[in-house]
Amino acid sequence: MGTGYQRFLQMHGFDTEVATDGLLGLERLAIFQPDAVVLDLIMPRLGGIDVLKKLRAQEAFRELPVVVLTKVCIPAFTERATQEGANHILDKSKDTPSAMLAVLQSLLAPHSKAA
């Protein structure tokens, strides 16, 4: 997730963490314990598909909402991401930060506590 998306989410009340590669992302997940993950498919050291596999293999992250936000919207990659447990795929070149916000809010709504 780029800094523009990060700032946009922060402006809308989200606490965010950014990892520069897949391995670092997995390490931070254990510490940050997010309500959702925005994941790219192409990352150094460990790609998004492998991150998804490792996430879904852990009980604590099996139900964690994962939104893939990527420039690589090749059907083979996006289908594989869905098979590995991505909840939604967004195309960086077409989808706006507002679209990402709407998807995250939709995925998180069932988990939010009533006021």
PDB file of N, CA and C in Angstrom:
ATOM      1  N   MET A   1       0.863  -1.172   0.000  1.00  0.00           N
ATOM      2  CA  MET A   1       0.000   0.000   0.000  1.00  0.00           C
ATOM      3  C   MET A   1       0.904   1.228   0.000  1.00  0.00           C
ATOM      4  N   GLY A   2       0.682   2.110  -0.922  1.00  0.00           N
ATOM      5  CA  GLY A   2       1.473   3.329  -1.012  1.00  0.00           C
ATOM      6  C   GLY A   2       1.091   4.324   0.069  1.00  0.00           C
ATOM      7  N   THR A   3       1.939   5.317   0.232  1.00  0.00           N
ATOM      8  CA  THR A   3       1.695   6.301   1.291  1.00  0.00           C
ATOM      9  C   THR A   3       0.426   7.110   1.045  1.00  0.00           C
ATOM     10  N   GLY A   4       0.031   7.302  -0.213  1.00  0.00           N
ATOM     11  CA  GLY A   4      -1.218   8.010  -0.501  1.00  0.00           C
ATOM     12  C   GLY A   4      -2.414   7.251   0.038  1.00  0.00           C
ATOM     13  N   TYR A   5      -2.444   5.943  -0.168  1.00  0.00           N
ATOM     14  CA  TYR A   5      -3.516   5.114   0.374  1.00  0.00           C
ATOM     15  C   TYR A   5      -3.453   5.098   1.900  1.00  0.00           C
ATOM     16  N   GLN A   6      -2.247   5.028   2.437  1.00  0.00           N
ATOM     17  CA  GLN A   6      -2.086   5.010   3.891  1.00  0.00           C
ATOM     18  C   GLN A   6      -2.650   6.300   4.498  1.00  0.00           C
ATOM     19  N   ARG A   7      -2.276   7.441   3.945  1.00  0.00           N
ATOM     20  CA  ARG A   7      -2.781   8.724   4.457  1.00  0.00           C
ATOM     21  C   ARG A   7      -4.299   8.808   4.342  1.00  0.00           C
ATOM     22  N   PHE A   8      -4.831   8.339   3.225  1.00  0.00           N
ATOM     23  CA  PHE A   8      -6.279   8.358   3.011  1.00  0.00           C
ATOM     24  C   PHE A   8      -6.986   7.539   4.088  1.00  0.00           C
ATOM     25  N   LEU A   9      -6.479   6.354   4.381  1.00  0.00           N
ATOM     26  CA  LEU A   9      -7.092   5.521   5.418  1.00  0.00           C
ATOM     27  C   LEU A   9      -6.967   6.168   6.797  1.00  0.00           C
ATOM     28  N   GLN A  10      -5.822   6.764   7.065  1.00  0.00           N
ATOM     29  CA  GLN A  10      -5.637   7.450   8.347  1.00  0.00           C
ATOM     30  C   GLN A  10      -6.612   8.612   8.495  1.00  0.00           C
ATOM     31  N   MET A  11      -6.861   9.337   7.394  1.00  0.00           N
ATOM     32  CA  MET A  11      -7.824  10.450   7.432  1.00  0.00           C
ATOM     33  C   MET A  11      -9.238   9.946   7.736  1.00  0.00           C
ATOM     34  N   HIS A  12      -9.477   8.676   7.466  1.00  0.00           N
ATOM     35  CA  HIS A  12     -10.791   8.097   7.712  1.00  0.00           C
ATOM     36  C   HIS A  12     -10.816   7.225   8.967  1.00  0.00           C
ATOM     37  N   GLY A  13      -9.866   7.460   9.864  1.00  0.00           N
ATOM     38  CA  GLY A  13      -9.899   6.837  11.179  1.00  0.00           C
ATOM     39  C   GLY A  13      -9.207   5.496  11.327  1.00  0.00           C
ATOM     40  N   PHE A  14      -8.491   5.049  10.310  1.00  0.00           N
ATOM     41  CA  PHE A  14      -7.796   3.771  10.404  1.00  0.00           C
ATOM     42  C   PHE A  14      -6.393   3.974  10.960  1.00  0.00           C
ATOM     43  N   ASP A  15      -5.972   3.099  11.871  1.00  0.00           N
ATOM     44  CA  ASP A  15      -4.572   3.020  12.278  1.00  0.00           C
ATOM     45  C   ASP A  15      -3.903   2.116  11.252  1.00  0.00           C
ATOM     46  N   THR A  16      -2.770   2.525  10.725  1.00  0.00           N
ATOM     47  CA  THR A  16      -2.133   1.738   9.676  1.00  0.00           C
ATOM     48  C   THR A  16      -0.674   1.457   9.994  1.00  0.00           C
ATOM     49  N   GLU A  17      -0.192   0.365   9.443  1.00  0.00           N
ATOM     50  CA  GLU A  17       1.215  -0.009   9.460  1.00  0.00           C
ATOM     51  C   GLU A  17       1.555  -0.395   8.032  1.00  0.00           C
ATOM     52  N   VAL A  18       2.753  -0.101   7.597  1.00  0.00           N
ATOM     53  CA  VAL A  18       3.189  -0.466   6.251  1.00  0.00           C
ATOM     54  C   VAL A  18       4.450  -1.307   6.371  1.00  0.00           C
ATOM     55  N   ALA A  19       4.480  -2.391   5.609  1.00  0.00           N
ATOM     56  CA  ALA A  19       5.673  -3.231   5.534  1.00  0.00           C
ATOM     57  C   ALA A  19       6.195  -3.164   4.101  1.00  0.00           C
ATOM     58  N   THR A  20       7.497  -3.092   3.960  1.00  0.00           N
ATOM     59  CA  THR A  20       8.101  -2.944   2.635  1.00  0.00           C
ATOM     60  C   THR A  20       8.325  -4.263   1.913  1.00  0.00           C
ATOM     61  N   ASP A  21       8.111  -5.383   2.605  1.00  0.00           N
ATOM     62  CA  ASP A  21       8.202  -6.686   1.953  1.00  0.00           C
ATOM     63  C   ASP A  21       7.325  -7.689   2.694  1.00  0.00           C
ATOM     64  N   GLY A  22       7.122  -8.841   2.072  1.00  0.00           N
ATOM     65  CA  GLY A  22       6.215  -9.840   2.624  1.00  0.00           C
ATOM     66  C   GLY A  22       6.651 -10.414   3.961  1.00  0.00           C
ATOM     67  N   LEU A  23       7.938 -10.678   4.127  1.00  0.00           N
ATOM     68  CA  LEU A  23       8.414 -11.225   5.400  1.00  0.00           C
ATOM     69  C   LEU A  23       8.226 -10.239   6.538  1.00  0.00           C
ATOM     70  N   LEU A  24       8.566  -8.982   6.286  1.00  0.00           N
ATOM     71  CA  LEU A  24       8.373  -7.953   7.295  1.00  0.00           C
ATOM     72  C   LEU A  24       6.883  -7.796   7.613  1.00  0.00           C
ATOM     73  N   GLY A  25       6.051  -7.902   6.588  1.00  0.00           N
ATOM     74  CA  GLY A  25       4.608  -7.823   6.803  1.00  0.00           C
ATOM     75  C   GLY A  25       4.120  -8.902   7.742  1.00  0.00           C
ATOM     76  N   LEU A  26       4.578 -10.126   7.553  1.00  0.00           N
ATOM     77  CA  LEU A  26       4.174 -11.217   8.449  1.00  0.00           C
ATOM     78  C   LEU A  26       4.642 -10.977   9.879  1.00  0.00           C
ATOM     79  N   GLU A  27       5.860 -10.457  10.027  1.00  0.00           N
ATOM     80  CA  GLU A  27       6.374 -10.144  11.364  1.00  0.00           C
ATOM     81  C   GLU A  27       5.514  -9.081  12.038  1.00  0.00           C
ATOM     82  N   ARG A  28       5.167  -8.040  11.298  1.00  0.00           N
ATOM     83  CA  ARG A  28       4.382  -6.944  11.873  1.00  0.00           C
ATOM     84  C   ARG A  28       2.957  -7.360  12.213  1.00  0.00           C
ATOM     85  N   LEU A  29       2.415  -8.314  11.462  1.00  0.00           N
ATOM     86  CA  LEU A  29       1.061  -8.781  11.740  1.00  0.00           C
ATOM     87  C   LEU A  29       0.932  -9.309  13.158  1.00  0.00           C
ATOM     88  N   ALA A  30       1.929 -10.042  13.589  1.00  0.00           N
ATOM     89  CA  ALA A  30       1.887 -10.608  14.931  1.00  0.00           C
ATOM     90  C   ALA A  30       1.906  -9.523  16.001  1.00  0.00           C
ATOM     91  N   ILE A  31       2.578  -8.430  15.722  1.00  0.00           N
ATOM     92  CA  ILE A  31       2.686  -7.340  16.692  1.00  0.00           C
ATOM     93  C   ILE A  31       1.483  -6.398  16.596  1.00  0.00           C
ATOM     94  N   PHE A  32       1.141  -5.991  15.396  1.00  0.00           N
ATOM     95  CA  PHE A  32       0.100  -4.987  15.169  1.00  0.00           C
ATOM     96  C   PHE A  32      -1.309  -5.561  15.335  1.00  0.00           C
ATOM     97  N   GLN A  33      -1.504  -6.832  15.010  1.00  0.00           N
ATOM     98  CA  GLN A  33      -2.794  -7.502  15.074  1.00  0.00           C
ATOM     99  C   GLN A  33      -3.909  -6.661  14.459  1.00  0.00           C
ATOM    100  N   PRO A  34      -3.863  -6.493  13.135  1.00  0.00           N
ATOM    101  CA  PRO A  34      -4.814  -5.612  12.451  1.00  0.00           C
ATOM    102  C   PRO A  34      -6.212  -6.215  12.346  1.00  0.00           C
ATOM    103  N   ASP A  35      -7.167  -5.353  12.037  1.00  0.00           N
ATOM    104  CA  ASP A  35      -8.537  -5.784  11.775  1.00  0.00           C
ATOM    105  C   ASP A  35      -8.691  -6.208  10.320  1.00  0.00           C
ATOM    106  N   ALA A  36      -7.770  -5.780   9.458  1.00  0.00           N
ATOM    107  CA  ALA A  36      -7.779  -6.124   8.038  1.00  0.00           C
ATOM    108  C   ALA A  36      -6.384  -5.901   7.478  1.00  0.00           C
ATOM    109  N   VAL A  37      -6.132  -6.495   6.305  1.00  0.00           N
ATOM    110  CA  VAL A  37      -4.850  -6.348   5.628  1.00  0.00           C
ATOM    111  C   VAL A  37      -5.107  -5.899   4.195  1.00  0.00           C
ATOM    112  N   VAL A  38      -4.323  -4.921   3.753  1.00  0.00           N
ATOM    113  CA  VAL A  38      -4.288  -4.532   2.345  1.00  0.00           C
ATOM    114  C   VAL A  38      -2.951  -5.046   1.830  1.00  0.00           C
ATOM    115  N   LEU A  39      -3.004  -5.907   0.813  1.00  0.00           N
ATOM    116  CA  LEU A  39      -1.839  -6.668   0.399  1.00  0.00           C
ATOM    117  C   LEU A  39      -1.581  -6.517  -1.092  1.00  0.00           C
ATOM    118  N   ASP A  40      -0.323  -6.289  -1.448  1.00  0.00           N
ATOM    119  CA  ASP A  40       0.065  -6.293  -2.857  1.00  0.00           C
ATOM    120  C   ASP A  40       0.499  -7.713  -3.219  1.00  0.00           C
ATOM    121  N   LEU A  41       0.401  -8.069  -4.482  1.00  0.00           N
ATOM    122  CA  LEU A  41       0.831  -9.395  -4.910  1.00  0.00           C
ATOM    123  C   LEU A  41       2.324  -9.454  -5.191  1.00  0.00           C
ATOM    124  N   ILE A  42       2.902  -8.335  -5.633  1.00  0.00           N
ATOM    125  CA  ILE A  42       4.321  -8.303  -5.978  1.00  0.00           C
ATOM    126  C   ILE A  42       5.071  -7.527  -4.903  1.00  0.00           C
ATOM    127  N   MET A  43       5.859  -8.260  -4.114  1.00  0.00           N
ATOM    128  CA  MET A  43       6.654  -7.661  -3.043  1.00  0.00           C
ATOM    129  C   MET A  43       7.996  -8.373  -2.974  1.00  0.00           C
ATOM    130  N   PRO A  44       9.016  -7.686  -2.475  1.00  0.00           N
ATOM    131  CA  PRO A  44      10.312  -8.340  -2.289  1.00  0.00           C
ATOM    132  C   PRO A  44      10.242  -9.404  -1.187  1.00  0.00           C
ATOM    133  N   ARG A  45      11.157 -10.324  -1.253  1.00  0.00           N
ATOM    134  CA  ARG A  45      11.410 -11.382  -0.264  1.00  0.00           C
ATOM    135  C   ARG A  45      10.287 -12.401  -0.119  1.00  0.00           C
ATOM    136  N   LEU A  46       9.036 -12.008  -0.197  1.00  0.00           N
ATOM    137  CA  LEU A  46       7.920 -12.956  -0.109  1.00  0.00           C
ATOM    138  C   LEU A  46       6.716 -12.302  -0.770  1.00  0.00           C
ATOM    139  N   GLY A  47       6.248 -12.899  -1.845  1.00  0.00           N
ATOM    140  CA  GLY A  47       5.140 -12.316  -2.595  1.00  0.00           C
ATOM    141  C   GLY A  47       3.807 -12.448  -1.885  1.00  0.00           C
ATOM    142  N   GLY A  48       2.824 -11.722  -2.387  1.00  0.00           N
ATOM    143  CA  GLY A  48       1.508 -11.675  -1.768  1.00  0.00           C
ATOM    144  C   GLY A  48       0.801 -13.013  -1.691  1.00  0.00           C
ATOM    145  N   ILE A  49       0.931 -13.853  -2.711  1.00  0.00           N
ATOM    146  CA  ILE A  49       0.299 -15.178  -2.679  1.00  0.00           C
ATOM    147  C   ILE A  49       0.864 -15.996  -1.522  1.00  0.00           C
ATOM    148  N   ASP A  50       2.191 -15.955  -1.360  1.00  0.00           N
ATOM    149  CA  ASP A  50       2.815 -16.698  -0.260  1.00  0.00           C
ATOM    150  C   ASP A  50       2.443 -16.110   1.097  1.00  0.00           C
ATOM    151  N   VAL A  51       2.317 -14.803   1.168  1.00  0.00           N
ATOM    152  CA  VAL A  51       1.866 -14.177   2.422  1.00  0.00           C
ATOM    153  C   VAL A  51       0.461 -14.672   2.754  1.00  0.00           C
ATOM    154  N   LEU A  52      -0.420 -14.691   1.762  1.00  0.00           N
ATOM    155  CA  LEU A  52      -1.781 -15.191   1.979  1.00  0.00           C
ATOM    156  C   LEU A  52      -1.781 -16.629   2.488  1.00  0.00           C
ATOM    157  N   LYS A  53      -0.981 -17.481   1.869  1.00  0.00           N
ATOM    158  CA  LYS A  53      -0.895 -18.878   2.304  1.00  0.00           C
ATOM    159  C   LYS A  53      -0.481 -18.976   3.768  1.00  0.00           C
ATOM    160  N   LYS A  54       0.551 -18.215   4.125  1.00  0.00           N
ATOM    161  CA  LYS A  54       1.051 -18.248   5.499  1.00  0.00           C
ATOM    162  C   LYS A  54       0.031 -17.667   6.482  1.00  0.00           C
ATOM    163  N   LEU A  55      -0.657 -16.615   6.057  1.00  0.00           N
ATOM    164  CA  LEU A  55      -1.698 -16.040   6.911  1.00  0.00           C
ATOM    165  C   LEU A  55      -2.799 -17.048   7.193  1.00  0.00           C
ATOM    166  N   ARG A  56      -3.329 -17.623   6.124  1.00  0.00           N
ATOM    167  CA  ARG A  56      -4.461 -18.538   6.256  1.00  0.00           C
ATOM    168  C   ARG A  56      -4.090 -19.836   6.958  1.00  0.00           C
ATOM    169  N   ALA A  57      -2.801 -20.159   7.030  1.00  0.00           N
ATOM    170  CA  ALA A  57      -2.356 -21.357   7.742  1.00  0.00           C
ATOM    171  C   ALA A  57      -2.358 -21.148   9.256  1.00  0.00           C
ATOM    172  N   GLN A  58      -2.452 -19.899   9.695  1.00  0.00           N
ATOM    173  CA  GLN A  58      -2.441 -19.593  11.127  1.00  0.00           C
ATOM    174  C   GLN A  58      -3.874 -19.358  11.616  1.00  0.00           C
ATOM    175  N   GLU A  59      -4.233 -20.027  12.654  1.00  0.00           N
ATOM    176  CA  GLU A  59      -5.593 -19.919  13.211  1.00  0.00           C
ATOM    177  C   GLU A  59      -5.986 -18.463  13.457  1.00  0.00           C
ATOM    178  N   ALA A  60      -5.085 -17.677  13.982  1.00  0.00           N
ATOM    179  CA  ALA A  60      -5.396 -16.284  14.336  1.00  0.00           C
ATOM    180  C   ALA A  60      -5.747 -15.423  13.129  1.00  0.00           C
ATOM    181  N   PHE A  61      -5.319 -15.840  11.934  1.00  0.00           N
ATOM    182  CA  PHE A  61      -5.522 -15.012  10.744  1.00  0.00           C
ATOM    183  C   PHE A  61      -6.424 -15.652   9.683  1.00  0.00           C
ATOM    184  N   ARG A  62      -7.049 -16.767  10.014  1.00  0.00           N
ATOM    185  CA  ARG A  62      -7.888 -17.453   9.004  1.00  0.00           C
ATOM    186  C   ARG A  62      -9.077 -16.617   8.565  1.00  0.00           C
ATOM    187  N   GLU A  63      -9.626 -15.831   9.459  1.00  0.00           N
ATOM    188  CA  GLU A  63     -10.810 -15.032   9.136  1.00  0.00           C
ATOM    189  C   GLU A  63     -10.486 -13.555   8.918  1.00  0.00           C
ATOM    190  N   LEU A  64      -9.228 -13.196   8.988  1.00  0.00           N
ATOM    191  CA  LEU A  64      -8.812 -11.804   8.824  1.00  0.00           C
ATOM    192  C   LEU A  64      -9.144 -11.312   7.420  1.00  0.00           C
ATOM    193  N   PRO A  65      -9.900 -10.222   7.277  1.00  0.00           N
ATOM    194  CA  PRO A  65     -10.176  -9.700   5.937  1.00  0.00           C
ATOM    195  C   PRO A  65      -8.889  -9.261   5.234  1.00  0.00           C
ATOM    196  N   VAL A  66      -8.720  -9.724   3.988  1.00  0.00           N
ATOM    197  CA  VAL A  66      -7.557  -9.368   3.193  1.00  0.00           C
ATOM    198  C   VAL A  66      -8.034  -8.800   1.861  1.00  0.00           C
ATOM    199  N   VAL A  67      -7.615  -7.568   1.597  1.00  0.00           N
ATOM    200  CA  VAL A  67      -7.911  -6.906   0.332  1.00  0.00           C
ATOM    201  C   VAL A  67      -6.609  -6.829  -0.450  1.00  0.00           C
ATOM    202  N   VAL A  68      -6.613  -7.391  -1.628  1.00  0.00           N
ATOM    203  CA  VAL A  68      -5.444  -7.299  -2.505  1.00  0.00           C
ATOM    204  C   VAL A  68      -5.577  -6.013  -3.311  1.00  0.00           C
ATOM    205  N   LEU A  69      -4.558  -5.181  -3.231  1.00  0.00           N
ATOM    206  CA  LEU A  69      -4.483  -3.927  -3.987  1.00  0.00           C
ATOM    207  C   LEU A  69      -3.219  -4.016  -4.829  1.00  0.00           C
ATOM    208  N   THR A  70      -3.379  -4.217  -6.132  1.00  0.00           N
ATOM    209  CA  THR A  70      -2.226  -4.530  -6.957  1.00  0.00           C
ATOM    210  C   THR A  70      -2.346  -3.956  -8.363  1.00  0.00           C
ATOM    211  N   LYS A  71      -1.206  -3.773  -8.998  1.00  0.00           N
ATOM    212  CA  LYS A  71      -1.160  -3.396 -10.415  1.00  0.00           C
ATOM    213  C   LYS A  71      -1.219  -4.641 -11.288  1.00  0.00           C
ATOM    214  N   VAL A  72      -0.944  -5.783 -10.702  1.00  0.00           N
ATOM    215  CA  VAL A  72      -0.864  -7.038 -11.439  1.00  0.00           C
ATOM    216  C   VAL A  72      -2.227  -7.730 -11.420  1.00  0.00           C
ATOM    217  N   CYS A  73      -3.126  -7.251 -12.246  1.00  0.00           N
ATOM    218  CA  CYS A  73      -4.467  -7.840 -12.312  1.00  0.00           C
ATOM    219  C   CYS A  73      -4.576  -8.831 -13.461  1.00  0.00           C
ATOM    220  N   ILE A  74      -3.607  -9.716 -13.531  1.00  0.00           N
ATOM    221  CA  ILE A  74      -3.619 -10.810 -14.494  1.00  0.00           C
ATOM    222  C   ILE A  74      -4.513 -11.898 -13.904  1.00  0.00           C
ATOM    223  N   PRO A  75      -5.488 -12.383 -14.664  1.00  0.00           N
ATOM    224  CA  PRO A  75      -6.436 -13.356 -14.108  1.00  0.00           C
ATOM    225  C   PRO A  75      -5.801 -14.521 -13.350  1.00  0.00           C
ATOM    226  N   ALA A  76      -4.703 -15.062 -13.843  1.00  0.00           N
ATOM    227  CA  ALA A  76      -4.071 -16.189 -13.147  1.00  0.00           C
ATOM    228  C   ALA A  76      -3.633 -15.796 -11.731  1.00  0.00           C
ATOM    229  N   PHE A  77      -3.105 -14.585 -11.576  1.00  0.00           N
ATOM    230  CA  PHE A  77      -2.674 -14.115 -10.257  1.00  0.00           C
ATOM    231  C   PHE A  77      -3.861 -13.803  -9.355  1.00  0.00           C
ATOM    232  N   THR A  78      -4.839 -13.104  -9.875  1.00  0.00           N
ATOM    233  CA  THR A  78      -5.972 -12.714  -9.038  1.00  0.00           C
ATOM    234  C   THR A  78      -6.826 -13.922  -8.647  1.00  0.00           C
ATOM    235  N   GLU A  79      -6.972 -14.886  -9.577  1.00  0.00           N
ATOM    236  CA  GLU A  79      -7.698 -16.114  -9.228  1.00  0.00           C
ATOM    237  C   GLU A  79      -6.964 -16.883  -8.141  1.00  0.00           C
ATOM    238  N   ARG A  80      -5.659 -16.938  -8.248  1.00  0.00           N
ATOM    239  CA  ARG A  80      -4.854 -17.627  -7.221  1.00  0.00           C
ATOM    240  C   ARG A  80      -4.973 -16.916  -5.878  1.00  0.00           C
ATOM    241  N   ALA A  81      -4.969 -15.591  -5.891  1.00  0.00           N
ATOM    242  CA  ALA A  81      -5.125 -14.834  -4.645  1.00  0.00           C
ATOM    243  C   ALA A  81      -6.477 -15.140  -4.007  1.00  0.00           C
ATOM    244  N   THR A  82      -7.515 -15.220  -4.810  1.00  0.00           N
ATOM    245  CA  THR A  82      -8.841 -15.548  -4.291  1.00  0.00           C
ATOM    246  C   THR A  82      -8.846 -16.972  -3.732  1.00  0.00           C
ATOM    247  N   GLN A  83      -8.231 -17.902  -4.435  1.00  0.00           N
ATOM    248  CA  GLN A  83      -8.161 -19.283  -3.960  1.00  0.00           C
ATOM    249  C   GLN A  83      -7.413 -19.386  -2.633  1.00  0.00           C
ATOM    250  N   GLU A  84      -6.417 -18.550  -2.458  1.00  0.00           N
ATOM    251  CA  GLU A  84      -5.615 -18.583  -1.227  1.00  0.00           C
ATOM    252  C   GLU A  84      -6.256 -17.799  -0.085  1.00  0.00           C
ATOM    253  N   GLY A  85      -7.383 -17.128  -0.350  1.00  0.00           N
ATOM    254  CA  GLY A  85      -8.098 -16.501   0.761  1.00  0.00           C
ATOM    255  C   GLY A  85      -8.279 -15.005   0.711  1.00  0.00           C
ATOM    256  N   ALA A  86      -7.936 -14.350  -0.397  1.00  0.00           N
ATOM    257  CA  ALA A  86      -8.197 -12.906  -0.497  1.00  0.00           C
ATOM    258  C   ALA A  86      -9.714 -12.691  -0.530  1.00  0.00           C
ATOM    259  N   ASN A  87     -10.172 -11.701   0.207  1.00  0.00           N
ATOM    260  CA  ASN A  87     -11.598 -11.399   0.241  1.00  0.00           C
ATOM    261  C   ASN A  87     -12.042 -10.518  -0.918  1.00  0.00           C
ATOM    262  N   HIS A  88     -11.113  -9.701  -1.419  1.00  0.00           N
ATOM    263  CA  HIS A  88     -11.461  -8.775  -2.493  1.00  0.00           C
ATOM    264  C   HIS A  88     -10.185  -8.381  -3.233  1.00  0.00           C
ATOM    265  N   ILE A  89     -10.309  -8.155  -4.543  1.00  0.00           N
ATOM    266  CA  ILE A  89      -9.171  -7.732  -5.365  1.00  0.00           C
ATOM    267  C   ILE A  89      -9.465  -6.339  -5.916  1.00  0.00           C
ATOM    268  N   LEU A  90      -8.533  -5.411  -5.747  1.00  0.00           N
ATOM    269  CA  LEU A  90      -8.640  -4.071  -6.315  1.00  0.00           C
ATOM    270  C   LEU A  90      -7.450  -3.824  -7.235  1.00  0.00           C
ATOM    271  N   ASP A  91      -7.704  -3.135  -8.314  1.00  0.00           N
ATOM    272  CA  ASP A  91      -6.696  -2.804  -9.322  1.00  0.00           C
ATOM    273  C   ASP A  91      -6.206  -1.370  -9.065  1.00  0.00           C
ATOM    274  N   LYS A  92      -4.926  -1.212  -8.740  1.00  0.00           N
ATOM    275  CA  LYS A  92      -4.364   0.116  -8.468  1.00  0.00           C
ATOM    276  C   LYS A  92      -4.571   1.089  -9.613  1.00  0.00           C
ATOM    277  N   SER A  93      -4.585   0.579 -10.834  1.00  0.00           N
ATOM    278  CA  SER A  93      -4.708   1.482 -11.979  1.00  0.00           C
ATOM    279  C   SER A  93      -6.146   1.920 -12.235  1.00  0.00           C
ATOM    280  N   LYS A  94      -7.125   1.269 -11.637  1.00  0.00           N
ATOM    281  CA  LYS A  94      -8.526   1.599 -11.887  1.00  0.00           C
ATOM    282  C   LYS A  94      -9.300   1.997 -10.640  1.00  0.00           C
ATOM    283  N   ASP A  95      -9.010   1.355  -9.526  1.00  0.00           N
ATOM    284  CA  ASP A  95      -9.788   1.590  -8.307  1.00  0.00           C
ATOM    285  C   ASP A  95      -9.202   2.721  -7.480  1.00  0.00           C
ATOM    286  N   THR A  96     -10.049   3.555  -6.964  1.00  0.00           N
ATOM    287  CA  THR A  96      -9.651   4.725  -6.190  1.00  0.00           C
ATOM    288  C   THR A  96      -9.480   4.377  -4.712  1.00  0.00           C
ATOM    289  N   PRO A  97      -8.821   5.249  -3.959  1.00  0.00           N
ATOM    290  CA  PRO A  97      -8.772   5.050  -2.513  1.00  0.00           C
ATOM    291  C   PRO A  97     -10.182   4.968  -1.899  1.00  0.00           C
ATOM    292  N   SER A  98     -11.125   5.706  -2.450  1.00  0.00           N
ATOM    293  CA  SER A  98     -12.500   5.634  -1.941  1.00  0.00           C
ATOM    294  C   SER A  98     -13.093   4.241  -2.140  1.00  0.00           C
ATOM    295  N   ALA A  99     -12.768   3.604  -3.256  1.00  0.00           N
ATOM    296  CA  ALA A  99     -13.240   2.237  -3.492  1.00  0.00           C
ATOM    297  C   ALA A  99     -12.638   1.287  -2.462  1.00  0.00           C
ATOM    298  N   MET A 100     -11.349   1.461  -2.168  1.00  0.00           N
ATOM    299  CA  MET A 100     -10.705   0.630  -1.158  1.00  0.00           C
ATOM    300  C   MET A 100     -11.360   0.842   0.207  1.00  0.00           C
ATOM    301  N   LEU A 101     -11.634   2.093   0.546  1.00  0.00           N
ATOM    302  CA  LEU A 101     -12.292   2.407   1.811  1.00  0.00           C
ATOM    303  C   LEU A 101     -13.656   1.719   1.896  1.00  0.00           C
ATOM    304  N   ALA A 102     -14.427   1.774   0.831  1.00  0.00           N
ATOM    305  CA  ALA A 102     -15.748   1.146   0.813  1.00  0.00           C
ATOM    306  C   ALA A 102     -15.640  -0.366   1.008  1.00  0.00           C
ATOM    307  N   VAL A 103     -14.678  -0.983   0.355  1.00  0.00           N
ATOM    308  CA  VAL A 103     -14.481  -2.428   0.505  1.00  0.00           C
ATOM    309  C   VAL A 103     -14.096  -2.766   1.938  1.00  0.00           C
ATOM    310  N   LEU A 104     -13.147  -2.029   2.502  1.00  0.00           N
ATOM    311  CA  LEU A 104     -12.733  -2.286   3.883  1.00  0.00           C
ATOM    312  C   LEU A 104     -13.893  -2.103   4.856  1.00  0.00           C
ATOM    313  N   GLN A 105     -14.654  -1.031   4.689  1.00  0.00           N
ATOM    314  CA  GLN A 105     -15.787  -0.804   5.575  1.00  0.00           C
ATOM    315  C   GLN A 105     -16.805  -1.934   5.460  1.00  0.00           C
ATOM    316  N   SER A 106     -17.031  -2.410   4.248  1.00  0.00           N
ATOM    317  CA  SER A 106     -17.969  -3.506   4.034  1.00  0.00           C
ATOM    318  C   SER A 106     -17.467  -4.788   4.710  1.00  0.00           C
ATOM    319  N   LEU A 107     -16.197  -5.085   4.548  1.00  0.00           N
ATOM    320  CA  LEU A 107     -15.640  -6.289   5.154  1.00  0.00           C
ATOM    321  C   LEU A 107     -15.590  -6.217   6.678  1.00  0.00           C
ATOM    322  N   LEU A 108     -15.384  -5.023   7.205  1.00  0.00           N
ATOM    323  CA  LEU A 108     -15.274  -4.859   8.649  1.00  0.00           C
ATOM    324  C   LEU A 108     -16.625  -4.688   9.345  1.00  0.00           C
ATOM    325  N   ALA A 109     -17.646  -4.307   8.607  1.00  0.00           N
ATOM    326  CA  ALA A 109     -18.966  -4.043   9.212  1.00  0.00           C
ATOM    327  C   ALA A 109     -19.489  -5.211  10.038  1.00  0.00           C
ATOM    328  N   PRO A 110     -19.400  -6.452   9.559  1.00  0.00           N
ATOM    329  CA  PRO A 110     -19.919  -7.561  10.375  1.00  0.00           C
ATOM    330  C   PRO A 110     -19.179  -7.748  11.689  1.00  0.00           C
ATOM    331  N   HIS A 111     -17.948  -7.231  11.762  1.00  0.00           N
ATOM    332  CA  HIS A 111     -17.116  -7.424  12.949  1.00  0.00           C
ATOM    333  C   HIS A 111     -17.177  -6.236  13.912  1.00  0.00           C
ATOM    334  N   SER A 112     -17.802  -5.139  13.474  1.00  0.00           N
ATOM    335  CA  SER A 112     -17.812  -3.946  14.345  1.00  0.00           C
ATOM    336  C   SER A 112     -18.832  -4.144  15.448  1.00  0.00           C
ATOM    337  N   LYS A 113     -18.545  -3.518  16.566  1.00  0.00           N
ATOM    338  CA  LYS A 113     -19.429  -3.619  17.724  1.00  0.00           C
ATOM    339  C   LYS A 113     -20.472  -2.533  17.650  1.00  0.00           C
ATOM    340  N   ALA A 114     -21.691  -2.898  17.972  1.00  0.00           N
ATOM    341  CA  ALA A 114     -22.785  -1.923  17.980  1.00  0.00           C
ATOM    342  C   ALA A 114     -22.570  -0.918  19.099  1.00  0.00           C
ATOM    343  N   ALA A 115     -22.870   0.343  18.818  1.00  0.00           N
ATOM    344  CA  ALA A 115     -22.665   1.404  19.827  1.00  0.00           C
ATOM    345  C   ALA A 115     -23.796   1.419  20.827  1.00  0.00           C
TER     346      ALA A 115
END
